[in-house]
């Protein structure tokens, strides 16, 4: 029995699809950054990856999130500028 294969494309005229993917990436980015926040080097590497993939308006949102997230983490506060440099 052959099962049909479905291919997903990123070129969709459906606005929900176009909106969902970037939001999913943004949420995933925040999850990863939270998980690696115990190590400043890993945090920096993941932040660099994130700024390459996120959209400009998401970088602004990420910067605001970083300011709030790093309030009690002085070892990570200098990395907020990384997100700001890429805007």
PDB file of N, CA and C in Angstrom:
ATOM      1  N   UNK A   1       0.842  -1.184   0.000  1.00  0.00           N
ATOM      2  CA  UNK A   1       0.000   0.000   0.000  1.00  0.00           C
ATOM      3  C   UNK A   1       0.886   1.246   0.000  1.00  0.00           C
ATOM      4  N   UNK A   2       0.682   2.084  -0.947  1.00  0.00           N
ATOM      5  CA  UNK A   2       1.455   3.321  -1.030  1.00  0.00           C
ATOM      6  C   UNK A   2       0.700   4.446  -0.327  1.00  0.00           C
ATOM      7  N   UNK A   3       1.413   5.161   0.485  1.00  0.00           N
ATOM      8  CA  UNK A   3       0.822   6.312   1.163  1.00  0.00           C
ATOM      9  C   UNK A   3       1.187   7.574   0.405  1.00  0.00           C
ATOM     10  N   UNK A   4       0.256   8.478   0.299  1.00  0.00           N
ATOM     11  CA  UNK A   4       0.577   9.726  -0.413  1.00  0.00           C
ATOM     12  C   UNK A   4       1.606  10.550   0.360  1.00  0.00           C
ATOM     13  N   UNK A   5       2.426  11.228  -0.365  1.00  0.00           N
ATOM     14  CA  UNK A   5       3.439  12.100   0.236  1.00  0.00           C
ATOM     15  C   UNK A   5       2.988  13.541   0.051  1.00  0.00           C
ATOM     16  N   UNK A   6       3.018  14.269   1.121  1.00  0.00           N
ATOM     17  CA  UNK A   6       2.606  15.665   1.069  1.00  0.00           C
ATOM     18  C   UNK A   6       3.826  16.553   1.253  1.00  0.00           C
ATOM     19  N   UNK A   7       3.940  17.546   0.412  1.00  0.00           N
ATOM     20  CA  UNK A   7       5.042  18.488   0.496  1.00  0.00           C
ATOM     21  C   UNK A   7       4.524  19.823   0.997  1.00  0.00           C
ATOM     22  N   UNK A   8       5.203  20.360   1.958  1.00  0.00           N
ATOM     23  CA  UNK A   8       4.829  21.687   2.461  1.00  0.00           C
ATOM     24  C   UNK A   8       5.720  22.718   1.782  1.00  0.00           C
ATOM     25  N   UNK A   9       5.130  23.792   1.360  1.00  0.00           N
ATOM     26  CA  UNK A   9       5.912  24.866   0.776  1.00  0.00           C
ATOM     27  C   UNK A   9       5.798  26.099   1.653  1.00  0.00           C
ATOM     28  N   UNK A  10       6.819  26.902   1.636  1.00  0.00           N
ATOM     29  CA  UNK A  10       6.806  28.129   2.412  1.00  0.00           C
ATOM     30  C   UNK A  10       6.216  29.279   1.614  1.00  0.00           C
ATOM     31  N   UNK A  11       6.013  29.061   0.337  1.00  0.00           N
ATOM     32  CA  UNK A  11       5.402  30.083  -0.506  1.00  0.00           C
ATOM     33  C   UNK A  11       3.904  29.842  -0.524  1.00  0.00           C
ATOM     34  N   UNK A  12       3.233  30.470   0.382  1.00  0.00           N
ATOM     35  CA  UNK A  12       1.803  30.255   0.508  1.00  0.00           C
ATOM     36  C   UNK A  12       1.083  31.592   0.443  1.00  0.00           C
ATOM     37  N   UNK A  13      -0.085  31.567  -0.123  1.00  0.00           N
ATOM     38  CA  UNK A  13      -0.868  32.789  -0.163  1.00  0.00           C
ATOM     39  C   UNK A  13      -1.736  32.915   1.080  1.00  0.00           C
ATOM     40  N   UNK A  14      -1.690  31.914   1.935  1.00  0.00           N
ATOM     41  CA  UNK A  14      -2.475  31.925   3.165  1.00  0.00           C
ATOM     42  C   UNK A  14      -1.757  32.787   4.205  1.00  0.00           C
ATOM     43  N   UNK A  15      -2.352  33.910   4.625  1.00  0.00           N
ATOM     44  CA  UNK A  15      -1.674  34.790   5.585  1.00  0.00           C
ATOM     45  C   UNK A  15      -1.399  34.121   6.921  1.00  0.00           C
ATOM     46  N   UNK A  16      -2.227  33.159   7.316  1.00  0.00           N
ATOM     47  CA  UNK A  16      -1.986  32.459   8.578  1.00  0.00           C
ATOM     48  C   UNK A  16      -0.688  31.666   8.513  1.00  0.00           C
ATOM     49  N   UNK A  17      -0.424  31.040   7.381  1.00  0.00           N
ATOM     50  CA  UNK A  17       0.799  30.275   7.214  1.00  0.00           C
ATOM     51  C   UNK A  17       2.007  31.201   7.247  1.00  0.00           C
ATOM     52  N   UNK A  18       1.912  32.319   6.560  1.00  0.00           N
ATOM     53  CA  UNK A  18       3.020  33.261   6.531  1.00  0.00           C
ATOM     54  C   UNK A  18       3.298  33.841   7.912  1.00  0.00           C
ATOM     55  N   UNK A  19       2.273  34.003   8.711  1.00  0.00           N
ATOM     56  CA  UNK A  19       2.437  34.556  10.051  1.00  0.00           C
ATOM     57  C   UNK A  19       2.947  33.500  11.021  1.00  0.00           C
ATOM     58  N   UNK A  20       2.518  32.261  10.841  1.00  0.00           N
ATOM     59  CA  UNK A  20       2.835  31.217  11.807  1.00  0.00           C
ATOM     60  C   UNK A  20       4.316  30.879  11.850  1.00  0.00           C
ATOM     61  N   UNK A  21       4.948  30.707  10.716  1.00  0.00           N
ATOM     62  CA  UNK A  21       6.340  30.275  10.714  1.00  0.00           C
ATOM     63  C   UNK A  21       7.264  31.236  11.452  1.00  0.00           C
ATOM     64  N   UNK A  22       7.242  32.528  11.172  1.00  0.00           N
ATOM     65  CA  UNK A  22       8.119  33.421  11.918  1.00  0.00           C
ATOM     66  C   UNK A  22       7.821  33.416  13.416  1.00  0.00           C
ATOM     67  N   UNK A  23       6.560  33.358  13.798  1.00  0.00           N
ATOM     68  CA  UNK A  23       6.221  33.338  15.225  1.00  0.00           C
ATOM     69  C   UNK A  23       6.739  32.071  15.872  1.00  0.00           C
ATOM     70  N   UNK A  24       6.650  30.962  15.158  1.00  0.00           N
ATOM     71  CA  UNK A  24       7.159  29.707  15.696  1.00  0.00           C
ATOM     72  C   UNK A  24       8.665  29.791  15.902  1.00  0.00           C
ATOM     73  N   UNK A  25       9.355  30.393  14.967  1.00  0.00           N
ATOM     74  CA  UNK A  25      10.802  30.546  15.093  1.00  0.00           C
ATOM     75  C   UNK A  25      11.134  31.479  16.259  1.00  0.00           C
ATOM     76  N   UNK A  26      10.365  32.538  16.410  1.00  0.00           N
ATOM     77  CA  UNK A  26      10.599  33.470  17.519  1.00  0.00           C
ATOM     78  C   UNK A  26      10.387  32.775  18.865  1.00  0.00           C
ATOM     79  N   UNK A  27       9.317  32.023  18.987  1.00  0.00           N
ATOM     80  CA  UNK A  27       9.048  31.303  20.242  1.00  0.00           C
ATOM     81  C   UNK A  27      10.125  30.264  20.514  1.00  0.00           C
ATOM     82  N   UNK A  28      10.549  29.566  19.474  1.00  0.00           N
ATOM     83  CA  UNK A  28      11.615  28.576  19.609  1.00  0.00           C
ATOM     84  C   UNK A  28      12.912  29.248  20.067  1.00  0.00           C
ATOM     85  N   UNK A  29      13.208  30.398  19.516  1.00  0.00           N
ATOM     86  CA  UNK A  29      14.407  31.148  19.890  1.00  0.00           C
ATOM     87  C   UNK A  29      14.399  31.479  21.374  1.00  0.00           C
ATOM     88  N   UNK A  30      13.274  31.970  21.864  1.00  0.00           N
ATOM     89  CA  UNK A  30      13.185  32.303  23.290  1.00  0.00           C
ATOM     90  C   UNK A  30      13.359  31.057  24.154  1.00  0.00           C
ATOM     91  N   UNK A  31      12.790  29.944  23.731  1.00  0.00           N
ATOM     92  CA  UNK A  31      12.929  28.699  24.483  1.00  0.00           C
ATOM     93  C   UNK A  31      14.384  28.269  24.555  1.00  0.00           C
ATOM     94  N   UNK A  32      15.078  28.310  23.429  1.00  0.00           N
ATOM     95  CA  UNK A  32      16.490  27.921  23.389  1.00  0.00           C
ATOM     96  C   UNK A  32      17.324  28.853  24.258  1.00  0.00           C
ATOM     97  N   UNK A  33      17.091  30.154  24.152  1.00  0.00           N
ATOM     98  CA  UNK A  33      17.866  31.110  24.942  1.00  0.00           C
ATOM     99  C   UNK A  33      17.647  30.897  26.441  1.00  0.00           C
ATOM    100  N   UNK A  34      16.427  30.574  26.830  1.00  0.00           N
ATOM    101  CA  UNK A  34      16.167  30.285  28.248  1.00  0.00           C
ATOM    102  C   UNK A  34      16.949  29.060  28.702  1.00  0.00           C
ATOM    103  N   UNK A  35      16.977  28.028  27.854  1.00  0.00           N
ATOM    104  CA  UNK A  35      17.629  26.771  28.228  1.00  0.00           C
ATOM    105  C   UNK A  35      19.148  26.884  28.311  1.00  0.00           C
ATOM    106  N   UNK A  36      19.738  27.754  27.513  1.00  0.00           N
ATOM    107  CA  UNK A  36      21.200  27.869  27.519  1.00  0.00           C
ATOM    108  C   UNK A  36      21.691  29.054  28.353  1.00  0.00           C
ATOM    109  N   UNK A  37      20.807  29.702  29.057  1.00  0.00           N
ATOM    110  CA  UNK A  37      21.191  30.897  29.815  1.00  0.00           C
ATOM    111  C   UNK A  37      22.133  30.594  30.979  1.00  0.00           C
ATOM    112  N   UNK A  38      22.331  29.336  31.299  1.00  0.00           N
ATOM    113  CA  UNK A  38      23.272  28.968  32.357  1.00  0.00           C
ATOM    114  C   UNK A  38      24.719  29.171  31.926  1.00  0.00           C
ATOM    115  N   UNK A  39      24.944  29.268  30.606  1.00  0.00           N
ATOM    116  CA  UNK A  39      26.291  29.404  30.071  1.00  0.00           C
ATOM    117  C   UNK A  39      26.328  30.603  29.123  1.00  0.00           C
ATOM    118  N   UNK A  40      27.119  31.600  29.463  1.00  0.00           N
ATOM    119  CA  UNK A  40      27.158  32.843  28.679  1.00  0.00           C
ATOM    120  C   UNK A  40      27.646  32.614  27.249  1.00  0.00           C
ATOM    121  N   UNK A  41      28.615  31.703  27.058  1.00  0.00           N
ATOM    122  CA  UNK A  41      29.119  31.444  25.708  1.00  0.00           C
ATOM    123  C   UNK A  41      28.043  30.815  24.818  1.00  0.00           C
ATOM    124  N   UNK A  42      27.342  29.822  25.348  1.00  0.00           N
ATOM    125  CA  UNK A  42      26.261  29.196  24.585  1.00  0.00           C
ATOM    126  C   UNK A  42      25.156  30.196  24.287  1.00  0.00           C
ATOM    127  N   UNK A  43      24.846  31.019  25.270  1.00  0.00           N
ATOM    128  CA  UNK A  43      23.817  32.038  25.103  1.00  0.00           C
ATOM    129  C   UNK A  43      24.180  32.964  23.947  1.00  0.00           C
ATOM    130  N   UNK A  44      25.430  33.391  23.904  1.00  0.00           N
ATOM    131  CA  UNK A  44      25.894  34.281  22.841  1.00  0.00           C
ATOM    132  C   UNK A  44      25.796  33.606  21.468  1.00  0.00           C
ATOM    133  N   UNK A  45      26.225  32.337  21.386  1.00  0.00           N
ATOM    134  CA  UNK A  45      26.175  31.621  20.110  1.00  0.00           C
ATOM    135  C   UNK A  45      24.740  31.469  19.611  1.00  0.00           C
ATOM    136  N   UNK A  46      23.840  31.131  20.517  1.00  0.00           N
ATOM    137  CA  UNK A  46      22.441  30.975  20.130  1.00  0.00           C
ATOM    138  C   UNK A  46      21.810  32.312  19.756  1.00  0.00           C
ATOM    139  N   UNK A  47      22.218  33.348  20.433  1.00  0.00           N
ATOM    140  CA  UNK A  47      21.713  34.683  20.109  1.00  0.00           C
ATOM    141  C   UNK A  47      22.182  35.112  18.719  1.00  0.00           C
ATOM    142  N   UNK A  48      23.422  34.807  18.383  1.00  0.00           N
ATOM    143  CA  UNK A  48      23.919  35.116  17.039  1.00  0.00           C
ATOM    144  C   UNK A  48      23.118  34.379  15.965  1.00  0.00           C
ATOM    145  N   UNK A  49      22.810  33.109  16.219  1.00  0.00           N
ATOM    146  CA  UNK A  49      22.000  32.345  15.270  1.00  0.00           C
ATOM    147  C   UNK A  49      20.617  32.973  15.118  1.00  0.00           C
ATOM    148  N   UNK A  50      20.067  33.385  16.239  1.00  0.00           N
ATOM    149  CA  UNK A  50      18.713  33.940  16.235  1.00  0.00           C
ATOM    150  C   UNK A  50      18.629  35.224  15.418  1.00  0.00           C
ATOM    151  N   UNK A  51      19.604  36.103  15.576  1.00  0.00           N
ATOM    152  CA  UNK A  51      19.520  37.387  14.876  1.00  0.00           C
ATOM    153  C   UNK A  51      19.685  37.223  13.371  1.00  0.00           C
ATOM    154  N   UNK A  52      20.255  36.112  12.934  1.00  0.00           N
ATOM    155  CA  UNK A  52      20.354  35.845  11.493  1.00  0.00           C
ATOM    156  C   UNK A  52      19.022  35.375  10.921  1.00  0.00           C
ATOM    157  N   UNK A  53      18.202  34.739  11.755  1.00  0.00           N
ATOM    158  CA  UNK A  53      16.977  34.118  11.260  1.00  0.00           C
ATOM    159  C   UNK A  53      15.719  34.956  11.463  1.00  0.00           C
ATOM    160  N   UNK A  54      15.737  35.822  12.456  1.00  0.00           N
ATOM    161  CA  UNK A  54      14.518  36.559  12.789  1.00  0.00           C
ATOM    162  C   UNK A  54      14.303  37.760  11.874  1.00  0.00           C
ATOM    163  N   UNK A  55      13.063  38.146  11.763  1.00  0.00           N
ATOM    164  CA  UNK A  55      12.689  39.317  10.980  1.00  0.00           C
ATOM    165  C   UNK A  55      12.998  40.589  11.775  1.00  0.00           C
ATOM    166  N   UNK A  56      13.138  41.729  11.097  1.00  0.00           N
ATOM    167  CA  UNK A  56      13.500  42.971  11.801  1.00  0.00           C
ATOM    168  C   UNK A  56      12.571  43.335  12.967  1.00  0.00           C
ATOM    169  N   UNK A  57      11.265  43.197  12.776  1.00  0.00           N
ATOM    170  CA  UNK A  57      10.364  43.539  13.877  1.00  0.00           C
ATOM    171  C   UNK A  57      10.474  42.531  15.027  1.00  0.00           C
ATOM    172  N   UNK A  58      10.876  41.296  14.715  1.00  0.00           N
ATOM    173  CA  UNK A  58      11.078  40.298  15.766  1.00  0.00           C
ATOM    174  C   UNK A  58      12.358  40.578  16.548  1.00  0.00           C
ATOM    175  N   UNK A  59      13.340  41.159  15.883  1.00  0.00           N
ATOM    176  CA  UNK A  59      14.566  41.541  16.589  1.00  0.00           C
ATOM    177  C   UNK A  59      14.275  42.612  17.637  1.00  0.00           C
ATOM    178  N   UNK A  60      13.393  43.533  17.301  1.00  0.00           N
ATOM    179  CA  UNK A  60      12.997  44.560  18.264  1.00  0.00           C
ATOM    180  C   UNK A  60      12.297  43.909  19.452  1.00  0.00           C
ATOM    181  N   UNK A  61      11.413  42.984  19.163  1.00  0.00           N
ATOM    182  CA  UNK A  61      10.704  42.269  20.227  1.00  0.00           C
ATOM    183  C   UNK A  61      11.667  41.422  21.056  1.00  0.00           C
ATOM    184  N   UNK A  62      12.637  40.795  20.388  1.00  0.00           N
ATOM    185  CA  UNK A  62      13.630  39.997  21.095  1.00  0.00           C
ATOM    186  C   UNK A  62      14.466  40.870  22.018  1.00  0.00           C
ATOM    187  N   UNK A  63      14.830  42.044  21.550  1.00  0.00           N
ATOM    188  CA  UNK A  63      15.615  42.954  22.379  1.00  0.00           C
ATOM    189  C   UNK A  63      14.853  43.323  23.661  1.00  0.00           C
ATOM    190  N   UNK A  64      13.574  43.614  23.529  1.00  0.00           N
ATOM    191  CA  UNK A  64      12.765  43.934  24.710  1.00  0.00           C
ATOM    192  C   UNK A  64      12.678  42.737  25.651  1.00  0.00           C
ATOM    193  N   UNK A  65      12.513  41.557  25.081  1.00  0.00           N
ATOM    194  CA  UNK A  65      12.462  40.345  25.897  1.00  0.00           C
ATOM    195  C   UNK A  65      13.797  40.112  26.601  1.00  0.00           C
ATOM    196  N   UNK A  66      14.895  40.342  25.888  1.00  0.00           N
ATOM    197  CA  UNK A  66      16.226  40.150  26.479  1.00  0.00           C
ATOM    198  C   UNK A  66      16.474  41.092  27.656  1.00  0.00           C
ATOM    199  N   UNK A  67      16.039  42.329  27.518  1.00  0.00           N
ATOM    200  CA  UNK A  67      16.219  43.294  28.607  1.00  0.00           C
ATOM    201  C   UNK A  67      15.509  42.793  29.858  1.00  0.00           C
ATOM    202  N   UNK A  68      14.292  42.325  29.677  1.00  0.00           N
ATOM    203  CA  UNK A  68      13.533  41.817  30.820  1.00  0.00           C
ATOM    204  C   UNK A  68      14.127  40.510  31.356  1.00  0.00           C
ATOM    205  N   UNK A  69      14.491  39.607  30.452  1.00  0.00           N
ATOM    206  CA  UNK A  69      15.003  38.296  30.842  1.00  0.00           C
ATOM    207  C   UNK A  69      16.337  38.386  31.568  1.00  0.00           C
ATOM    208  N   UNK A  70      17.182  39.332  31.175  1.00  0.00           N
ATOM    209  CA  UNK A  70      18.529  39.413  31.757  1.00  0.00           C
ATOM    210  C   UNK A  70      18.621  40.362  32.951  1.00  0.00           C
ATOM    211  N   UNK A  71      17.508  40.878  33.428  1.00  0.00           N
ATOM    212  CA  UNK A  71      17.550  41.801  34.563  1.00  0.00           C
ATOM    213  C   UNK A  71      18.288  41.217  35.760  1.00  0.00           C
ATOM    214  N   UNK A  72      18.061  39.955  36.052  1.00  0.00           N
ATOM    215  CA  UNK A  72      18.698  39.309  37.202  1.00  0.00           C
ATOM    216  C   UNK A  72      19.875  38.441  36.800  1.00  0.00           C
ATOM    217  N   UNK A  73      20.360  38.619  35.590  1.00  0.00           N
ATOM    218  CA  UNK A  73      21.482  37.832  35.076  1.00  0.00           C
ATOM    219  C   UNK A  73      22.545  38.780  34.522  1.00  0.00           C
ATOM    220  N   UNK A  74      23.331  39.378  35.397  1.00  0.00           N
ATOM    221  CA  UNK A  74      24.308  40.380  34.932  1.00  0.00           C
ATOM    222  C   UNK A  74      25.318  39.831  33.925  1.00  0.00           C
ATOM    223  N   UNK A  75      25.618  38.538  33.984  1.00  0.00           N
ATOM    224  CA  UNK A  75      26.596  37.961  33.053  1.00  0.00           C
ATOM    225  C   UNK A  75      26.069  37.908  31.616  1.00  0.00           C
ATOM    226  N   UNK A  76      24.754  38.069  31.451  1.00  0.00           N
ATOM    227  CA  UNK A  76      24.148  38.026  30.114  1.00  0.00           C
ATOM    228  C   UNK A  76      23.722  39.393  29.601  1.00  0.00           C
ATOM    229  N   UNK A  77      23.738  40.392  30.444  1.00  0.00           N
ATOM    230  CA  UNK A  77      23.214  41.707  30.068  1.00  0.00           C
ATOM    231  C   UNK A  77      23.967  42.352  28.921  1.00  0.00           C
ATOM    232  N   UNK A  78      25.240  42.091  28.806  1.00  0.00           N
ATOM    233  CA  UNK A  78      26.006  42.704  27.711  1.00  0.00           C
ATOM    234  C   UNK A  78      25.581  42.166  26.347  1.00  0.00           C
ATOM    235  N   UNK A  79      24.951  41.007  26.313  1.00  0.00           N
ATOM    236  CA  UNK A  79      24.540  40.414  25.041  1.00  0.00           C
ATOM    237  C   UNK A  79      23.264  41.020  24.479  1.00  0.00           C
ATOM    238  N   UNK A  80      22.591  41.829  25.238  1.00  0.00           N
ATOM    239  CA  UNK A  80      21.409  42.528  24.718  1.00  0.00           C
ATOM    240  C   UNK A  80      21.826  43.409  23.546  1.00  0.00           C
ATOM    241  N   UNK A  81      23.028  43.939  23.601  1.00  0.00           N
ATOM    242  CA  UNK A  81      23.538  44.794  22.538  1.00  0.00           C
ATOM    243  C   UNK A  81      23.725  44.032  21.221  1.00  0.00           C
ATOM    244  N   UNK A  82      23.944  42.730  21.295  1.00  0.00           N
ATOM    245  CA  UNK A  82      24.121  41.920  20.079  1.00  0.00           C
ATOM    246  C   UNK A  82      22.856  41.991  19.224  1.00  0.00           C
ATOM    247  N   UNK A  83      21.724  41.822  19.861  1.00  0.00           N
ATOM    248  CA  UNK A  83      20.454  41.901  19.131  1.00  0.00           C
ATOM    249  C   UNK A  83      20.240  43.301  18.577  1.00  0.00           C
ATOM    250  N   UNK A  84      20.652  44.294  19.319  1.00  0.00           N
ATOM    251  CA  UNK A  84      20.483  45.690  18.898  1.00  0.00           C
ATOM    252  C   UNK A  84      21.371  46.022  17.697  1.00  0.00           C
ATOM    253  N   UNK A  85      22.548  45.434  17.635  1.00  0.00           N
ATOM    254  CA  UNK A  85      23.484  45.715  16.541  1.00  0.00           C
ATOM    255  C   UNK A  85      22.982  45.225  15.184  1.00  0.00           C
ATOM    256  N   UNK A  86      22.135  44.225  15.177  1.00  0.00           N
ATOM    257  CA  UNK A  86      21.685  43.635  13.922  1.00  0.00           C
ATOM    258  C   UNK A  86      20.437  44.307  13.346  1.00  0.00           C
ATOM    259  N   UNK A  87      19.847  45.229  14.077  1.00  0.00           N
ATOM    260  CA  UNK A  87      18.622  45.864  13.572  1.00  0.00           C
ATOM    261  C   UNK A  87      18.926  46.813  12.441  1.00  0.00           C
TER     262      UNK A  87
END
